[in-house]
């Protein structure tokens, strides 16, 4: 699936990442401000996704790297937004 990083919504990105990580056996749960944004239909806006998991961070890093993310301190960001 080709992702248009310029137009993907927070909800779409959360769903996409959740599904892709689950396909790789990583169980994650979305928490924090993004949940409020999604359930309030953008009345309150968050600009990041916070996930919790019991899975190994090194495994998650490998998966996220495959999808174009790189680590910056404790966060991950997409390498390029050239959609």
C-alpha atoms as a PDB file:
ATOM      1  CA  UNK A   1       0.000   0.000   0.000  1.00  0.00           C
ATOM      2  CA  UNK A   2       1.415   3.361  -1.044  1.00  0.00           C
ATOM      3  CA  UNK A   3       0.847   5.995   1.636  1.00  0.00           C
ATOM      4  CA  UNK A   4       0.375   9.650   0.784  1.00  0.00           C
ATOM      5  CA  UNK A   5       2.120  11.094   3.848  1.00  0.00           C
ATOM      6  CA  UNK A   6       0.941  14.615   2.981  1.00  0.00           C
ATOM      7  CA  UNK A   7      -2.761  13.819   3.155  1.00  0.00           C
ATOM      8  CA  UNK A   8      -3.131  10.871   5.559  1.00  0.00           C
ATOM      9  CA  UNK A   9      -5.263  11.680   8.586  1.00  0.00           C
ATOM     10  CA  UNK A  10      -4.209  10.945  12.138  1.00  0.00           C
ATOM     11  CA  UNK A  11      -6.927   8.298  12.378  1.00  0.00           C
ATOM     12  CA  UNK A  12      -5.861   6.634   9.118  1.00  0.00           C
ATOM     13  CA  UNK A  13      -2.224   6.596  10.182  1.00  0.00           C
ATOM     14  CA  UNK A  14      -3.057   5.123  13.583  1.00  0.00           C
ATOM     15  CA  UNK A  15      -5.130   2.393  11.945  1.00  0.00           C
ATOM     16  CA  UNK A  16      -2.502   1.673   9.304  1.00  0.00           C
ATOM     17  CA  UNK A  17       0.364   1.399  11.786  1.00  0.00           C
ATOM     18  CA  UNK A  18      -1.709  -0.676  14.207  1.00  0.00           C
ATOM     19  CA  UNK A  19      -2.663  -3.133  11.501  1.00  0.00           C
ATOM     20  CA  UNK A  20       0.818  -3.405  10.014  1.00  0.00           C
ATOM     21  CA  UNK A  21       2.433  -3.973  13.416  1.00  0.00           C
ATOM     22  CA  UNK A  22      -0.207  -6.563  14.319  1.00  0.00           C
ATOM     23  CA  UNK A  23       0.528  -8.392  11.048  1.00  0.00           C
ATOM     24  CA  UNK A  24       4.100  -8.711  12.330  1.00  0.00           C
ATOM     25  CA  UNK A  25       2.938 -10.065  15.696  1.00  0.00           C
ATOM     26  CA  UNK A  26       3.313  -6.807  17.629  1.00  0.00           C
ATOM     27  CA  UNK A  27       0.336  -5.947  19.829  1.00  0.00           C
ATOM     28  CA  UNK A  28       0.006  -2.184  20.374  1.00  0.00           C
ATOM     29  CA  UNK A  29      -2.642   0.121  21.802  1.00  0.00           C
ATOM     30  CA  UNK A  30      -3.177   3.746  20.851  1.00  0.00           C
ATOM     31  CA  UNK A  31      -3.319   6.038  23.898  1.00  0.00           C
ATOM     32  CA  UNK A  32      -3.118   9.743  24.675  1.00  0.00           C
ATOM     33  CA  UNK A  33      -4.143  12.812  22.761  1.00  0.00           C
ATOM     34  CA  UNK A  34      -4.642  11.080  19.420  1.00  0.00           C
ATOM     35  CA  UNK A  35      -7.489   9.085  20.987  1.00  0.00           C
ATOM     36  CA  UNK A  36      -9.152  12.338  22.011  1.00  0.00           C
ATOM     37  CA  UNK A  37      -8.662  13.762  18.508  1.00  0.00           C
ATOM     38  CA  UNK A  38     -10.214  10.700  16.860  1.00  0.00           C
ATOM     39  CA  UNK A  39     -13.166  10.360  19.223  1.00  0.00           C
ATOM     40  CA  UNK A  40     -13.921  14.089  19.315  1.00  0.00           C
ATOM     41  CA  UNK A  41     -13.880  14.251  15.490  1.00  0.00           C
ATOM     42  CA  UNK A  42     -10.952  16.707  15.579  1.00  0.00           C
ATOM     43  CA  UNK A  43     -12.548  19.072  18.088  1.00  0.00           C
ATOM     44  CA  UNK A  44      -9.361  18.657  20.134  1.00  0.00           C
ATOM     45  CA  UNK A  45      -6.241  18.264  18.050  1.00  0.00           C
ATOM     46  CA  UNK A  46      -3.167  16.142  18.678  1.00  0.00           C
ATOM     47  CA  UNK A  47      -0.335  15.947  16.179  1.00  0.00           C
ATOM     48  CA  UNK A  48       1.306  12.698  17.236  1.00  0.00           C
ATOM     49  CA  UNK A  49       0.488   9.090  17.995  1.00  0.00           C
ATOM     50  CA  UNK A  50       1.292   7.494  21.326  1.00  0.00           C
ATOM     51  CA  UNK A  51       1.255   3.715  21.501  1.00  0.00           C
ATOM     52  CA  UNK A  52       1.908   1.348  24.379  1.00  0.00           C
ATOM     53  CA  UNK A  53       3.160  -2.206  23.991  1.00  0.00           C
ATOM     54  CA  UNK A  54       4.868  -5.003  25.843  1.00  0.00           C
ATOM     55  CA  UNK A  55       6.825  -5.942  22.734  1.00  0.00           C
ATOM     56  CA  UNK A  56      10.562  -5.424  22.339  1.00  0.00           C
ATOM     57  CA  UNK A  57      11.568  -1.941  21.135  1.00  0.00           C
ATOM     58  CA  UNK A  58      14.245  -3.350  18.811  1.00  0.00           C
ATOM     59  CA  UNK A  59      11.604  -5.418  17.010  1.00  0.00           C
ATOM     60  CA  UNK A  60       9.366  -2.377  16.669  1.00  0.00           C
ATOM     61  CA  UNK A  61      12.276  -0.282  15.347  1.00  0.00           C
ATOM     62  CA  UNK A  62      12.905  -2.829  12.578  1.00  0.00           C
ATOM     63  CA  UNK A  63       9.268  -2.834  11.510  1.00  0.00           C
ATOM     64  CA  UNK A  64       8.943   0.952  11.556  1.00  0.00           C
ATOM     65  CA  UNK A  65      12.154   1.283   9.551  1.00  0.00           C
ATOM     66  CA  UNK A  66      10.635  -0.979   6.892  1.00  0.00           C
ATOM     67  CA  UNK A  67       7.768   1.511   6.604  1.00  0.00           C
ATOM     68  CA  UNK A  68      10.020   4.543   6.235  1.00  0.00           C
ATOM     69  CA  UNK A  69      10.305   5.737   9.824  1.00  0.00           C
ATOM     70  CA  UNK A  70      13.496   6.638  11.623  1.00  0.00           C
ATOM     71  CA  UNK A  71      14.129   7.134  15.301  1.00  0.00           C
ATOM     72  CA  UNK A  72      14.813  10.564  16.796  1.00  0.00           C
ATOM     73  CA  UNK A  73      15.501  10.254  20.548  1.00  0.00           C
ATOM     74  CA  UNK A  74      12.445   8.426  21.918  1.00  0.00           C
ATOM     75  CA  UNK A  75      10.246   9.257  18.917  1.00  0.00           C
ATOM     76  CA  UNK A  76       9.838   7.932  15.392  1.00  0.00           C
ATOM     77  CA  UNK A  77       9.171  10.102  12.354  1.00  0.00           C
ATOM     78  CA  UNK A  78       8.692   9.389   8.684  1.00  0.00           C
ATOM     79  CA  UNK A  79      11.909   9.824   6.704  1.00  0.00           C
ATOM     80  CA  UNK A  80      10.280  11.693   3.849  1.00  0.00           C
ATOM     81  CA  UNK A  81       6.930  13.273   3.141  1.00  0.00           C
ATOM     82  CA  UNK A  82       7.266  13.099  -0.619  1.00  0.00           C
ATOM     83  CA  UNK A  83       4.094  10.957  -0.726  1.00  0.00           C
END
